[in-house]
Amino acid sequence: FEKNNLPYLKDNLANFACRVLHSYSLESNTLFVAEVIAA
């Protein structure tokens, strides 16, 4: 289903909508720090 203009699996334990505050790039991965705007 879609909520907050984002997709979610219907069979889930809990769901979160998040907005990125900061991102940090490493060689293999990027770390996103994000505010939870809905849960």
ModelCIF file with pLDDT and N, C-alpha, C, O atoms, coordinates in Angstrom:
data_MODEL
#
_entry.id   MODEL 
#
_entity.id                         1 
_entity.type                       polymer 
_entity.pdbx_number_of_molecules   1 
#
_entity_poly.entity_id                      1 
_entity_poly.type                           'polypeptide(L)' 
_entity_poly.nstd_linkage                   no 
_entity_poly.nstd_monomer                   no 
_entity_poly.pdbx_seq_one_letter_code       FEKNNLPYLKDNLANFACRVLHSYSLESNTLFVAEVIAA 
_entity_poly.pdbx_seq_one_letter_code_can   FEKNNLPYLKDNLANFACRVLHSYSLESNTLFVAEVIAA 
_entity_poly.pdbx_strand_id                 A 
#
loop_
_entity_poly_seq.entity_id 
_entity_poly_seq.num 
_entity_poly_seq.mon_id 
_entity_poly_seq.hetero 
1 1  PHE n 
1 2  GLU n 
1 3  LYS n 
1 4  ASN n 
1 5  ASN n 
1 6  LEU n 
1 7  PRO n 
1 8  TYR n 
1 9  LEU n 
1 10 LYS n 
1 11 ASP n 
1 12 ASN n 
1 13 LEU n 
1 14 ALA n 
1 15 ASN n 
1 16 PHE n 
1 17 ALA n 
1 18 CYS n 
1 19 ARG n 
1 20 VAL n 
1 21 LEU n 
1 22 HIS n 
1 23 SER n 
1 24 TYR n 
1 25 SER n 
1 26 LEU n 
1 27 GLU n 
1 28 SER n 
1 29 ASN n 
1 30 THR n 
1 31 LEU n 
1 32 PHE n 
1 33 VAL n 
1 34 ALA n 
1 35 GLU n 
1 36 VAL n 
1 37 ILE n 
1 38 ALA n 
1 39 ALA n 
#
_struct_asym.id          A 
_struct_asym.entity_id   1 
#
loop_
_ma_qa_metric.id 
_ma_qa_metric.mode 
_ma_qa_metric.name 
_ma_qa_metric.software_group_id 
_ma_qa_metric.type 
1 global pLDDT . pLDDT 
2 local  pLDDT . pLDDT 
#
_ma_qa_metric_global.metric_id      1 
_ma_qa_metric_global.metric_value   96.08 
_ma_qa_metric_global.model_id       1 
_ma_qa_metric_global.ordinal_id     1 
#
loop_
_ma_qa_metric_local.label_asym_id 
_ma_qa_metric_local.label_comp_id 
_ma_qa_metric_local.label_seq_id 
_ma_qa_metric_local.metric_id 
_ma_qa_metric_local.metric_value 
_ma_qa_metric_local.model_id 
_ma_qa_metric_local.ordinal_id 
A PHE 1  2 97.00 1 1  
A GLU 2  2 97.00 1 2  
A LYS 3  2 94.00 1 3  
A ASN 4  2 88.00 1 4  
A ASN 5  2 95.00 1 5  
A LEU 6  2 98.00 1 6  
A PRO 7  2 98.00 1 7  
A TYR 8  2 98.00 1 8  
A LEU 9  2 97.00 1 9  
A LYS 10 2 96.00 1 10 
A ASP 11 2 94.00 1 11 
A ASN 12 2 95.00 1 12 
A LEU 13 2 95.00 1 13 
A ALA 14 2 96.00 1 14 
A ASN 15 2 96.00 1 15 
A PHE 16 2 97.00 1 16 
A ALA 17 2 97.00 1 17 
A CYS 18 2 98.00 1 18 
A ARG 19 2 98.00 1 19 
A VAL 20 2 98.00 1 20 
A LEU 21 2 98.00 1 21 
A HIS 22 2 97.00 1 22 
A SER 23 2 97.00 1 23 
A TYR 24 2 97.00 1 24 
A SER 25 2 95.00 1 25 
A LEU 26 2 94.00 1 26 
A GLU 27 2 93.00 1 27 
A SER 28 2 91.00 1 28 
A ASN 29 2 94.00 1 29 
A THR 30 2 96.00 1 30 
A LEU 31 2 97.00 1 31 
A PHE 32 2 98.00 1 32 
A VAL 33 2 98.00 1 33 
A ALA 34 2 98.00 1 34 
A GLU 35 2 97.00 1 35 
A VAL 36 2 97.00 1 36 
A ILE 37 2 97.00 1 37 
A ALA 38 2 96.00 1 38 
A ALA 39 2 95.00 1 39 
#
loop_
_atom_site.group_PDB 
_atom_site.id 
_atom_site.type_symbol 
_atom_site.label_atom_id 
_atom_site.label_alt_id 
_atom_site.label_comp_id 
_atom_site.label_asym_id 
_atom_site.label_entity_id 
_atom_site.label_seq_id 
_atom_site.pdbx_PDB_ins_code 
_atom_site.Cartn_x 
_atom_site.Cartn_y 
_atom_site.Cartn_z 
_atom_site.occupancy 
_atom_site.B_iso_or_equiv 
_atom_site.pdbx_formal_charge 
_atom_site.auth_seq_id 
_atom_site.auth_comp_id 
_atom_site.auth_asym_id 
_atom_site.auth_atom_id 
_atom_site.pdbx_PDB_model_num 
ATOM 1   N N  . PHE A 1 1  ? 0.846  -1.185 0.000  1.00 97.00 ? 1  PHE A N  1 
ATOM 2   C CA . PHE A 1 1  ? 0.000  0.000  0.000  1.00 97.00 ? 1  PHE A CA 1 
ATOM 3   C C  . PHE A 1 1  ? 0.885  1.239  0.000  1.00 97.00 ? 1  PHE A C  1 
ATOM 4   O O  . PHE A 1 1  ? 2.078  1.165  0.292  1.00 97.00 ? 1  PHE A O  1 
ATOM 5   N N  . GLU A 1 2  ? 0.293  2.363  -0.327 1.00 97.00 ? 2  GLU A N  1 
ATOM 6   C CA . GLU A 1 2  ? 1.029  3.621  -0.360 1.00 97.00 ? 2  GLU A CA 1 
ATOM 7   C C  . GLU A 1 2  ? 0.479  4.581  0.681  1.00 97.00 ? 2  GLU A C  1 
ATOM 8   O O  . GLU A 1 2  ? -0.733 4.729  0.831  1.00 97.00 ? 2  GLU A O  1 
ATOM 9   N N  . LYS A 1 3  ? 1.379  5.225  1.388  1.00 94.00 ? 3  LYS A N  1 
ATOM 10  C CA . LYS A 1 3  ? 1.015  6.202  2.401  1.00 94.00 ? 3  LYS A CA 1 
ATOM 11  C C  . LYS A 1 3  ? 2.140  7.224  2.485  1.00 94.00 ? 3  LYS A C  1 
ATOM 12  O O  . LYS A 1 3  ? 3.312  6.865  2.368  1.00 94.00 ? 3  LYS A O  1 
ATOM 13  N N  . ASN A 1 4  ? 1.804  8.469  2.683  1.00 88.00 ? 4  ASN A N  1 
ATOM 14  C CA . ASN A 1 4  ? 2.812  9.536  2.708  1.00 88.00 ? 4  ASN A CA 1 
ATOM 15  C C  . ASN A 1 4  ? 3.630  9.546  1.419  1.00 88.00 ? 4  ASN A C  1 
ATOM 16  O O  . ASN A 1 4  ? 4.802  9.923  1.409  1.00 88.00 ? 4  ASN A O  1 
ATOM 17  N N  . ASN A 1 5  ? 2.981  9.122  0.333  1.00 95.00 ? 5  ASN A N  1 
ATOM 18  C CA . ASN A 1 5  ? 3.624  9.053  -0.986 1.00 95.00 ? 5  ASN A CA 1 
ATOM 19  C C  . ASN A 1 5  ? 4.803  8.083  -1.003 1.00 95.00 ? 5  ASN A C  1 
ATOM 20  O O  . ASN A 1 5  ? 5.734  8.243  -1.793 1.00 95.00 ? 5  ASN A O  1 
ATOM 21  N N  . LEU A 1 6  ? 4.759  7.073  -0.128 1.00 98.00 ? 6  LEU A N  1 
ATOM 22  C CA . LEU A 1 6  ? 5.811  6.073  -0.060 1.00 98.00 ? 6  LEU A CA 1 
ATOM 23  C C  . LEU A 1 6  ? 5.199  4.671  -0.034 1.00 98.00 ? 6  LEU A C  1 
ATOM 24  O O  . LEU A 1 6  ? 4.086  4.502  0.466  1.00 98.00 ? 6  LEU A O  1 
ATOM 25  N N  . PRO A 1 7  ? 5.902  3.663  -0.561 1.00 98.00 ? 7  PRO A N  1 
ATOM 26  C CA . PRO A 1 7  ? 5.369  2.296  -0.585 1.00 98.00 ? 7  PRO A CA 1 
ATOM 27  C C  . PRO A 1 7  ? 5.699  1.521  0.676  1.00 98.00 ? 7  PRO A C  1 
ATOM 28  O O  . PRO A 1 7  ? 6.772  1.682  1.258  1.00 98.00 ? 7  PRO A O  1 
ATOM 29  N N  . TYR A 1 8  ? 4.746  0.659  1.100  1.00 98.00 ? 8  TYR A N  1 
ATOM 30  C CA . TYR A 1 8  ? 4.942  -0.184 2.281  1.00 98.00 ? 8  TYR A CA 1 
ATOM 31  C C  . TYR A 1 8  ? 4.448  -1.596 1.979  1.00 98.00 ? 8  TYR A C  1 
ATOM 32  O O  . TYR A 1 8  ? 3.455  -1.785 1.277  1.00 98.00 ? 8  TYR A O  1 
ATOM 33  N N  . LEU A 1 9  ? 5.152  -2.572 2.519  1.00 97.00 ? 9  LEU A N  1 
ATOM 34  C CA . LEU A 1 9  ? 4.686  -3.952 2.445  1.00 97.00 ? 9  LEU A CA 1 
ATOM 35  C C  . LEU A 1 9  ? 3.444  -4.093 3.313  1.00 97.00 ? 9  LEU A C  1 
ATOM 36  O O  . LEU A 1 9  ? 3.414  -3.610 4.444  1.00 97.00 ? 9  LEU A O  1 
ATOM 37  N N  . LYS A 1 10 ? 2.412  -4.759 2.779  1.00 96.00 ? 10 LYS A N  1 
ATOM 38  C CA . LYS A 1 10 ? 1.165  -4.898 3.541  1.00 96.00 ? 10 LYS A CA 1 
ATOM 39  C C  . LYS A 1 10 ? 1.356  -5.750 4.787  1.00 96.00 ? 10 LYS A C  1 
ATOM 40  O O  . LYS A 1 10 ? 0.835  -5.419 5.852  1.00 96.00 ? 10 LYS A O  1 
ATOM 41  N N  . ASP A 1 11 ? 2.099  -6.844 4.664  1.00 94.00 ? 11 ASP A N  1 
ATOM 42  C CA . ASP A 1 11 ? 2.344  -7.732 5.806  1.00 94.00 ? 11 ASP A CA 1 
ATOM 43  C C  . ASP A 1 11 ? 3.609  -7.268 6.517  1.00 94.00 ? 11 ASP A C  1 
ATOM 44  O O  . ASP A 1 11 ? 4.705  -7.739 6.215  1.00 94.00 ? 11 ASP A O  1 
ATOM 45  N N  . ASN A 1 12 ? 3.455  -6.340 7.467  1.00 95.00 ? 12 ASN A N  1 
ATOM 46  C CA . ASN A 1 12 ? 4.618  -5.856 8.191  1.00 95.00 ? 12 ASN A CA 1 
ATOM 47  C C  . ASN A 1 12 ? 4.327  -5.756 9.678  1.00 95.00 ? 12 ASN A C  1 
ATOM 48  O O  . ASN A 1 12 ? 3.174  -5.728 10.107 1.00 95.00 ? 12 ASN A O  1 
ATOM 49  N N  . LEU A 1 13 ? 5.392  -5.703 10.446 1.00 95.00 ? 13 LEU A N  1 
ATOM 50  C CA . LEU A 1 13 ? 5.293  -5.612 11.901 1.00 95.00 ? 13 LEU A CA 1 
ATOM 51  C C  . LEU A 1 13 ? 5.060  -4.164 12.336 1.00 95.00 ? 13 LEU A C  1 
ATOM 52  O O  . LEU A 1 13 ? 4.284  -3.889 13.252 1.00 95.00 ? 13 LEU A O  1 
ATOM 53  N N  . ALA A 1 14 ? 5.745  -3.256 11.661 1.00 96.00 ? 14 ALA A N  1 
ATOM 54  C CA . ALA A 1 14 ? 5.601  -1.818 11.892 1.00 96.00 ? 14 ALA A CA 1 
ATOM 55  C C  . ALA A 1 14 ? 6.139  -1.116 10.655 1.00 96.00 ? 14 ALA A C  1 
ATOM 56  O O  . ALA A 1 14 ? 6.907  -1.692 9.884  1.00 96.00 ? 14 ALA A O  1 
ATOM 57  N N  . ASN A 1 15 ? 5.727  0.138  10.473 1.00 96.00 ? 15 ASN A N  1 
ATOM 58  C CA . ASN A 1 15 ? 6.213  0.863  9.306  1.00 96.00 ? 15 ASN A CA 1 
ATOM 59  C C  . ASN A 1 15 ? 6.542  2.307  9.667  1.00 96.00 ? 15 ASN A C  1 
ATOM 60  O O  . ASN A 1 15 ? 5.960  2.897  10.577 1.00 96.00 ? 15 ASN A O  1 
ATOM 61  N N  . PHE A 1 16 ? 7.497  2.852  8.918  1.00 97.00 ? 16 PHE A N  1 
ATOM 62  C CA . PHE A 1 16 ? 8.013  4.189  9.202  1.00 97.00 ? 16 PHE A CA 1 
ATOM 63  C C  . PHE A 1 16 ? 8.178  4.986  7.914  1.00 97.00 ? 16 PHE A C  1 
ATOM 64  O O  . PHE A 1 16 ? 8.567  4.448  6.876  1.00 97.00 ? 16 PHE A O  1 
ATOM 65  N N  . ALA A 1 17 ? 7.880  6.259  8.001  1.00 97.00 ? 17 ALA A N  1 
ATOM 66  C CA . ALA A 1 17 ? 8.202  7.195  6.929  1.00 97.00 ? 17 ALA A CA 1 
ATOM 67  C C  . ALA A 1 17 ? 9.325  8.088  7.446  1.00 97.00 ? 17 ALA A C  1 
ATOM 68  O O  . ALA A 1 17 ? 9.244  8.615  8.555  1.00 97.00 ? 17 ALA A O  1 
ATOM 69  N N  . CYS A 1 18 ? 10.369 8.258  6.640  1.00 98.00 ? 18 CYS A N  1 
ATOM 70  C CA . CYS A 1 18 ? 11.568 8.952  7.119  1.00 98.00 ? 18 CYS A CA 1 
ATOM 71  C C  . CYS A 1 18 ? 12.033 10.009 6.116  1.00 98.00 ? 18 CYS A C  1 
ATOM 72  O O  . CYS A 1 18 ? 11.929 9.833  4.902  1.00 98.00 ? 18 CYS A O  1 
ATOM 73  N N  . ARG A 1 19 ? 12.550 11.113 6.664  1.00 98.00 ? 19 ARG A N  1 
ATOM 74  C CA . ARG A 1 19 ? 13.095 12.196 5.841  1.00 98.00 ? 19 ARG A CA 1 
ATOM 75  C C  . ARG A 1 19 ? 14.571 12.363 6.182  1.00 98.00 ? 19 ARG A C  1 
ATOM 76  O O  . ARG A 1 19 ? 14.930 12.536 7.347  1.00 98.00 ? 19 ARG A O  1 
ATOM 77  N N  . VAL A 1 20 ? 15.418 12.310 5.167  1.00 98.00 ? 20 VAL A N  1 
ATOM 78  C CA . VAL A 1 20 ? 16.865 12.350 5.364  1.00 98.00 ? 20 VAL A CA 1 
ATOM 79  C C  . VAL A 1 20 ? 17.305 13.709 5.916  1.00 98.00 ? 20 VAL A C  1 
ATOM 80  O O  . VAL A 1 20 ? 16.931 14.761 5.398  1.00 98.00 ? 20 VAL A O  1 
ATOM 81  N N  . LEU A 1 21 ? 18.107 13.654 6.976  1.00 98.00 ? 21 LEU A N  1 
ATOM 82  C CA . LEU A 1 21 ? 18.704 14.863 7.557  1.00 98.00 ? 21 LEU A CA 1 
ATOM 83  C C  . LEU A 1 21 ? 20.154 15.025 7.115  1.00 98.00 ? 21 LEU A C  1 
ATOM 84  O O  . LEU A 1 21 ? 20.594 16.127 6.788  1.00 98.00 ? 21 LEU A O  1 
ATOM 85  N N  . HIS A 1 22 ? 20.891 13.916 7.109  1.00 97.00 ? 22 HIS A N  1 
ATOM 86  C CA . HIS A 1 22 ? 22.301 13.937 6.739  1.00 97.00 ? 22 HIS A CA 1 
ATOM 87  C C  . HIS A 1 22 ? 22.636 12.628 6.029  1.00 97.00 ? 22 HIS A C  1 
ATOM 88  O O  . HIS A 1 22 ? 21.972 11.612 6.234  1.00 97.00 ? 22 HIS A O  1 
ATOM 89  N N  . SER A 1 23 ? 23.660 12.664 5.204  1.00 97.00 ? 23 SER A N  1 
ATOM 90  C CA . SER A 1 23 ? 24.171 11.438 4.593  1.00 97.00 ? 23 SER A CA 1 
ATOM 91  C C  . SER A 1 23 ? 25.692 11.465 4.630  1.00 97.00 ? 23 SER A C  1 
ATOM 92  O O  . SER A 1 23 ? 26.317 12.515 4.485  1.00 97.00 ? 23 SER A O  1 
ATOM 93  N N  . TYR A 1 24 ? 26.276 10.279 4.827  1.00 97.00 ? 24 TYR A N  1 
ATOM 94  C CA . TYR A 1 24 ? 27.723 10.144 4.937  1.00 97.00 ? 24 TYR A CA 1 
ATOM 95  C C  . TYR A 1 24 ? 28.157 9.011  4.012  1.00 97.00 ? 24 TYR A C  1 
ATOM 96  O O  . TYR A 1 24 ? 27.715 7.873  4.168  1.00 97.00 ? 24 TYR A O  1 
ATOM 97  N N  . SER A 1 25 ? 29.017 9.323  3.055  1.00 95.00 ? 25 SER A N  1 
ATOM 98  C CA . SER A 1 25 ? 29.429 8.342  2.055  1.00 95.00 ? 25 SER A CA 1 
ATOM 99  C C  . SER A 1 25 ? 30.717 7.645  2.451  1.00 95.00 ? 25 SER A C  1 
ATOM 100 O O  . SER A 1 25 ? 31.696 8.290  2.825  1.00 95.00 ? 25 SER A O  1 
ATOM 101 N N  . LEU A 1 26 ? 30.708 6.324  2.365  1.00 94.00 ? 26 LEU A N  1 
ATOM 102 C CA . LEU A 1 26 ? 31.886 5.500  2.541  1.00 94.00 ? 26 LEU A CA 1 
ATOM 103 C C  . LEU A 1 26 ? 32.147 4.793  1.211  1.00 94.00 ? 26 LEU A C  1 
ATOM 104 O O  . LEU A 1 26 ? 31.387 4.959  0.257  1.00 94.00 ? 26 LEU A O  1 
ATOM 105 N N  . GLU A 1 27 ? 33.213 4.013  1.150  1.00 93.00 ? 27 GLU A N  1 
ATOM 106 C CA . GLU A 1 27 ? 33.561 3.387  -0.122 1.00 93.00 ? 27 GLU A CA 1 
ATOM 107 C C  . GLU A 1 27 ? 32.476 2.439  -0.619 1.00 93.00 ? 27 GLU A C  1 
ATOM 108 O O  . GLU A 1 27 ? 32.174 2.419  -1.812 1.00 93.00 ? 27 GLU A O  1 
ATOM 109 N N  . SER A 1 28 ? 31.890 1.657  0.276  1.00 91.00 ? 28 SER A N  1 
ATOM 110 C CA . SER A 1 28 ? 30.907 0.654  -0.141 1.00 91.00 ? 28 SER A CA 1 
ATOM 111 C C  . SER A 1 28 ? 29.471 1.058  0.153  1.00 91.00 ? 28 SER A C  1 
ATOM 112 O O  . SER A 1 28 ? 28.552 0.622  -0.540 1.00 91.00 ? 28 SER A O  1 
ATOM 113 N N  . ASN A 1 29 ? 29.269 1.877  1.159  1.00 94.00 ? 29 ASN A N  1 
ATOM 114 C CA . ASN A 1 29 ? 27.923 2.192  1.631  1.00 94.00 ? 29 ASN A CA 1 
ATOM 115 C C  . ASN A 1 29 ? 27.750 3.684  1.889  1.00 94.00 ? 29 ASN A C  1 
ATOM 116 O O  . ASN A 1 29 ? 28.717 4.435  2.013  1.00 94.00 ? 29 ASN A O  1 
ATOM 117 N N  . THR A 1 30 ? 26.481 4.087  1.965  1.00 96.00 ? 30 THR A N  1 
ATOM 118 C CA . THR A 1 30 ? 26.135 5.437  2.407  1.00 96.00 ? 30 THR A CA 1 
ATOM 119 C C  . THR A 1 30 ? 25.280 5.319  3.657  1.00 96.00 ? 30 THR A C  1 
ATOM 120 O O  . THR A 1 30 ? 24.339 4.527  3.702  1.00 96.00 ? 30 THR A O  1 
ATOM 121 N N  . LEU A 1 31 ? 25.605 6.100  4.660  1.00 97.00 ? 31 LEU A N  1 
ATOM 122 C CA . LEU A 1 31 ? 24.841 6.125  5.902  1.00 97.00 ? 31 LEU A CA 1 
ATOM 123 C C  . LEU A 1 31 ? 23.906 7.326  5.869  1.00 97.00 ? 31 LEU A C  1 
ATOM 124 O O  . LEU A 1 31 ? 24.345 8.471  5.770  1.00 97.00 ? 31 LEU A O  1 
ATOM 125 N N  . PHE A 1 32 ? 22.605 7.044  5.953  1.00 98.00 ? 32 PHE A N  1 
ATOM 126 C CA . PHE A 1 32 ? 21.594 8.095  6.039  1.00 98.00 ? 32 PHE A CA 1 
ATOM 127 C C  . PHE A 1 32 ? 21.159 8.253  7.493  1.00 98.00 ? 32 PHE A C  1 
ATOM 128 O O  . PHE A 1 32 ? 20.839 7.265  8.155  1.00 98.00 ? 32 PHE A O  1 
ATOM 129 N N  . VAL A 1 33 ? 21.145 9.459  7.982  1.00 98.00 ? 33 VAL A N  1 
ATOM 130 C CA . VAL A 1 33 ? 20.515 9.776  9.259  1.00 98.00 ? 33 VAL A CA 1 
ATOM 131 C C  . VAL A 1 33 ? 19.226 10.510 8.919  1.00 98.00 ? 33 VAL A C  1 
ATOM 132 O O  . VAL A 1 33 ? 19.252 11.546 8.255  1.00 98.00 ? 33 VAL A O  1 
ATOM 133 N N  . ALA A 1 34 ? 18.093 9.969  9.378  1.00 98.00 ? 34 ALA A N  1 
ATOM 134 C CA . ALA A 1 34 ? 16.804 10.478 8.930  1.00 98.00 ? 34 ALA A CA 1 
ATOM 135 C C  . ALA A 1 34 ? 15.835 10.663 10.093 1.00 98.00 ? 34 ALA A C  1 
ATOM 136 O O  . ALA A 1 34 ? 15.838 9.890  11.051 1.00 98.00 ? 34 ALA A O  1 
ATOM 137 N N  . GLU A 1 35 ? 15.018 11.686 9.994  1.00 97.00 ? 35 GLU A N  1 
ATOM 138 C CA . GLU A 1 35 ? 13.965 11.923 10.982 1.00 97.00 ? 35 GLU A CA 1 
ATOM 139 C C  . GLU A 1 35 ? 12.754 11.054 10.663 1.00 97.00 ? 35 GLU A C  1 
ATOM 140 O O  . GLU A 1 35 ? 12.336 10.964 9.509  1.00 97.00 ? 35 GLU A O  1 
ATOM 141 N N  . VAL A 1 36 ? 12.201 10.424 11.673 1.00 97.00 ? 36 VAL A N  1 
ATOM 142 C CA . VAL A 1 36 ? 10.974 9.639  11.505 1.00 97.00 ? 36 VAL A CA 1 
ATOM 143 C C  . VAL A 1 36 ? 9.800  10.606 11.552 1.00 97.00 ? 36 VAL A C  1 
ATOM 144 O O  . VAL A 1 36 ? 9.537  11.222 12.585 1.00 97.00 ? 36 VAL A O  1 
ATOM 145 N N  . ILE A 1 37 ? 9.095  10.738 10.433 1.00 97.00 ? 37 ILE A N  1 
ATOM 146 C CA . ILE A 1 37 ? 7.984  11.686 10.373 1.00 97.00 ? 37 ILE A CA 1 
ATOM 147 C C  . ILE A 1 37 ? 6.631  11.008 10.571 1.00 97.00 ? 37 ILE A C  1 
ATOM 148 O O  . ILE A 1 37 ? 5.620  11.679 10.779 1.00 97.00 ? 37 ILE A O  1 
ATOM 149 N N  . ALA A 1 38 ? 6.617  9.675  10.505 1.00 96.00 ? 38 ALA A N  1 
ATOM 150 C CA . ALA A 1 38 ? 5.391  8.907  10.773 1.00 96.00 ? 38 ALA A CA 1 
ATOM 151 C C  . ALA A 1 38 ? 5.792  7.495  11.149 1.00 96.00 ? 38 ALA A C  1 
ATOM 152 O O  . ALA A 1 38 ? 6.745  6.947  10.595 1.00 96.00 ? 38 ALA A O  1 
ATOM 153 N N  . ALA A 1 39 ? 5.069  6.905  12.088 1.00 95.00 ? 39 ALA A N  1 
ATOM 154 C CA . ALA A 1 39 ? 5.353  5.538  12.522 1.00 95.00 ? 39 ALA A CA 1 
ATOM 155 C C  . ALA A 1 39 ? 4.058  4.866  12.957 1.00 95.00 ? 39 ALA A C  1 
ATOM 156 O O  . ALA A 1 39 ? 4.071  3.703  13.361 1.00 95.00 ? 39 ALA A O  1 
#
